[in-house]
Amino acid sequence: MEDHFFNPEVIYLLPGSSSTYSEQLQNCLKQLGDYLTGKGLQKDRVIRQTIFFGAGDNSEYQSKQKIFRDVLKSFYPAQIPATGYIAQLPEFNGRMSLEVYIACDSSDDLKIRHIPIADNSYTVIESSGYKEIYAAGLNSGCNSGIYKQATTSFTIMKEILDNEDLTFQDVVRQWNYIEE
């Protein structure tokens, strides 16, 4: 279990029997909206989410990512939280799934900001002088080779750290999903 200054809740959502990827994500987001409402939480409490789906090649990946982004834009009125798009089928034998981290802390001094950057966004959570940054999907958006993808990812990461007055020494964990 990860250590956080607050206690995020993680939920895993599977779509119903919807046929298109758009409908599947809409179904998951409906479940998420119902879950948040049941907890008395707003959508801005979603700090990070990952969409798992199958993609045979980069072209299919980009096509599905665009579909997912369009659906997310209609669900999140202000700004989409940090979102990762992972071309890996979910473990539950489905075509797609949604993993969501939610800040359930009811502290009055908990501040959550979703900040747009490079066709995505990152999430900043602050409370009592403590700050955590969540970012996902930091990439060039195209099949550009391993070196270019890694360079682009770290350039965007540096921009985020600079924006938040942090350095790479402040990074606790990061993962790279780089395709060939």
Protein backbone atom coordinates (compact mmCIF):
# COMPACT_ATOMS: atom_id res chain seq x y z
CA MET A 1 0.00 0.00 0.00
CA GLU A 2 1.32 3.42 -0.92
CA ASP A 3 1.82 6.03 1.80
CA HIS A 4 -0.08 9.26 1.21
CA PHE A 5 -0.77 12.23 3.41
CA PHE A 6 -4.42 11.51 2.75
CA ASN A 7 -6.23 8.23 2.22
CA PRO A 8 -7.16 7.75 -1.45
CA GLU A 9 -9.73 5.18 -2.30
CA VAL A 10 -9.17 3.06 -5.40
CA ILE A 11 -12.06 1.65 -7.36
CA TYR A 12 -12.09 -0.52 -10.48
CA LEU A 13 -14.95 -0.16 -12.91
CA LEU A 14 -16.00 -2.50 -15.69
CA PRO A 15 -18.50 -1.54 -18.37
CA GLY A 16 -21.76 -3.34 -18.87
CA SER A 17 -22.52 -5.00 -22.17
CA SER A 18 -22.05 -1.82 -24.20
CA SER A 19 -20.79 -2.37 -27.72
CA THR A 20 -18.60 0.64 -28.56
CA TYR A 21 -15.59 1.91 -26.62
CA SER A 22 -17.34 5.24 -26.16
CA GLU A 23 -20.38 3.52 -24.63
CA GLN A 24 -18.17 1.36 -22.44
CA LEU A 25 -16.34 4.35 -20.96
CA GLN A 26 -19.62 6.24 -20.56
CA ASN A 27 -20.95 3.25 -18.61
CA CYS A 28 -17.89 3.25 -16.33
CA LEU A 29 -18.18 7.01 -15.80
CA LYS A 30 -21.87 6.66 -14.93
CA GLN A 31 -20.87 4.12 -12.28
CA LEU A 32 -18.19 6.55 -11.06
CA GLY A 33 -20.67 9.44 -10.90
CA ASP A 34 -23.11 7.30 -8.91
CA TYR A 35 -20.30 6.22 -6.58
CA LEU A 36 -19.17 9.81 -5.98
CA THR A 37 -22.74 10.96 -5.38
CA GLY A 38 -23.24 8.15 -2.88
CA LYS A 39 -20.13 9.31 -1.01
CA GLY A 40 -21.16 12.99 -1.18
CA LEU A 41 -18.11 13.84 -3.32
CA GLN A 42 -17.64 16.02 -6.38
CA LYS A 43 -15.87 14.94 -9.59
CA ASP A 44 -12.84 17.08 -8.72
CA ARG A 45 -12.03 14.53 -5.99
CA VAL A 46 -10.85 12.12 -8.69
CA ILE A 47 -7.09 12.57 -8.56
CA ARG A 48 -5.96 10.00 -11.08
CA GLN A 49 -7.46 7.47 -13.42
CA THR A 50 -6.19 4.82 -15.80
CA ILE A 51 -8.05 3.38 -18.74
CA PHE A 52 -6.95 -0.14 -19.70
CA PHE A 53 -7.87 -1.34 -23.19
CA GLY A 54 -6.59 -3.46 -26.03
CA ALA A 55 -4.88 -1.95 -29.07
CA GLY A 56 -3.16 -3.88 -31.82
CA ASP A 57 -0.91 -1.04 -32.98
CA ASN A 58 -0.14 2.64 -32.43
CA SER A 59 -2.81 3.82 -34.86
CA GLU A 60 -5.51 1.88 -33.03
CA TYR A 61 -4.15 3.15 -29.69
CA GLN A 62 -4.36 6.79 -30.81
CA SER A 63 -7.84 6.29 -32.25
CA LYS A 64 -9.17 4.82 -29.00
CA GLN A 65 -7.37 7.44 -26.92
CA LYS A 66 -9.17 10.18 -28.89
CA ILE A 67 -12.52 8.46 -28.31
CA PHE A 68 -11.79 8.21 -24.58
CA ARG A 69 -10.67 11.86 -24.31
CA ASP A 70 -13.87 13.06 -25.98
CA VAL A 71 -15.98 11.05 -23.53
CA LEU A 72 -13.92 12.29 -20.55
CA LYS A 73 -14.33 15.92 -21.65
CA SER A 74 -18.09 15.56 -21.46
CA PHE A 75 -17.97 13.93 -18.00
CA TYR A 76 -15.56 16.33 -16.29
CA PRO A 77 -16.91 19.88 -16.62
CA ALA A 78 -13.83 21.82 -15.54
CA GLN A 79 -10.71 19.75 -16.24
CA ILE A 80 -9.99 16.06 -16.72
CA PRO A 81 -7.81 14.67 -13.89
CA ALA A 82 -4.46 13.00 -14.59
CA THR A 83 -5.31 10.15 -16.95
CA GLY A 84 -3.25 7.25 -18.20
CA TYR A 85 -4.19 5.32 -21.32
CA ILE A 86 -2.66 1.84 -21.10
CA ALA A 87 -2.88 -0.48 -24.11
CA GLN A 88 -3.22 -3.58 -21.98
CA LEU A 89 -6.38 -5.61 -21.71
CA PRO A 90 -7.89 -5.56 -18.23
CA GLU A 91 -7.36 -8.61 -16.07
CA PHE A 92 -11.12 -9.17 -15.88
CA ASN A 93 -11.44 -10.46 -19.47
CA GLY A 94 -13.13 -7.29 -20.67
CA ARG A 95 -12.37 -4.97 -23.56
CA MET A 96 -11.68 -2.03 -21.25
CA SER A 97 -11.71 -1.02 -17.60
CA LEU A 98 -11.27 2.13 -15.55
CA GLU A 99 -9.13 2.38 -12.41
CA VAL A 100 -9.85 5.49 -10.34
CA TYR A 101 -8.08 7.06 -7.34
CA ILE A 102 -10.37 9.28 -5.27
CA ALA A 103 -9.44 11.70 -2.49
CA CYS A 104 -12.07 10.92 0.15
CA ASP A 105 -10.42 13.04 2.86
CA SER A 106 -12.96 15.51 4.22
CA SER A 107 -10.34 17.94 5.54
CA ASP A 108 -11.23 21.58 4.87
CA ASP A 109 -7.63 22.43 3.97
CA LEU A 110 -7.33 19.75 1.26
CA LYS A 111 -6.88 21.55 -2.08
CA ILE A 112 -7.10 19.67 -5.38
CA ARG A 113 -6.17 21.27 -8.70
CA HIS A 114 -6.27 19.67 -12.16
CA ILE A 115 -3.89 21.52 -14.48
CA PRO A 116 -3.79 21.04 -18.27
CA ILE A 117 -0.47 20.18 -19.89
CA ALA A 118 0.51 18.70 -23.26
CA ASP A 119 -2.84 17.16 -24.31
CA ASN A 120 -3.43 15.85 -20.79
CA SER A 121 -3.37 17.17 -17.25
CA TYR A 122 -1.75 16.63 -13.91
CA THR A 123 -3.29 16.78 -10.46
CA VAL A 124 -1.92 18.70 -7.48
CA ILE A 125 -3.09 17.86 -3.98
CA GLU A 126 -2.07 20.14 -1.13
CA SER A 127 -2.81 20.13 2.56
CA SER A 128 -1.05 21.63 5.58
CA GLY A 129 2.14 22.46 3.70
CA TYR A 130 2.31 19.06 1.97
CA LYS A 131 2.06 18.59 -1.79
CA GLU A 132 1.63 15.58 -4.05
CA ILE A 133 1.61 15.62 -7.83
CA TYR A 134 -0.06 12.97 -9.98
CA ALA A 135 0.64 12.87 -13.69
CA ALA A 136 -0.09 10.27 -16.33
CA GLY A 137 0.00 9.91 -20.08
CA LEU A 138 2.99 12.18 -20.56
CA ASN A 139 3.95 11.39 -24.13
CA SER A 140 4.52 12.80 -27.58
CA GLY A 141 1.22 11.45 -28.82
CA CYS A 142 2.75 9.60 -31.73
CA ASN A 143 4.92 6.62 -32.54
CA SER A 144 8.25 8.42 -32.61
CA GLY A 145 10.79 5.90 -31.34
CA ILE A 146 11.92 5.10 -27.83
CA TYR A 147 14.44 7.94 -27.48
CA LYS A 148 11.97 10.63 -28.62
CA GLN A 149 9.18 9.23 -26.44
CA ALA A 150 11.39 9.14 -23.34
CA THR A 151 12.79 12.61 -24.02
CA THR A 152 9.31 14.06 -24.50
CA SER A 153 7.99 12.39 -21.34
CA PHE A 154 10.82 13.74 -19.19
CA THR A 155 10.55 17.20 -20.77
CA ILE A 156 6.86 17.36 -19.83
CA MET A 157 7.67 16.00 -16.38
CA LYS A 158 10.30 18.74 -15.90
CA GLU A 159 7.76 21.38 -16.93
CA ILE A 160 5.31 20.06 -14.32
CA LEU A 161 7.99 20.05 -11.62
CA ASP A 162 9.07 23.59 -12.56
CA ASN A 163 5.43 24.76 -12.47
CA GLU A 164 5.10 23.39 -8.93
CA ASP A 165 8.53 24.56 -7.64
CA LEU A 166 9.77 20.98 -7.35
CA THR A 167 12.74 19.07 -8.80
CA PHE A 168 13.44 15.52 -9.93
CA GLN A 169 14.81 14.90 -6.42
CA ASP A 170 11.24 15.30 -5.16
CA VAL A 171 9.96 12.47 -7.36
CA VAL A 172 9.04 9.41 -5.31
CA ARG A 173 7.98 7.09 -8.11
CA GLN A 174 7.54 7.14 -11.85
CA TRP A 175 6.84 4.52 -14.51
CA ASN A 176 7.51 4.58 -18.22
CA TYR A 177 5.41 2.69 -20.75
CA ILE A 178 7.39 3.14 -23.95
CA GLU A 179 6.56 1.27 -27.09
CA GLU A 180 8.98 0.35 -29.81
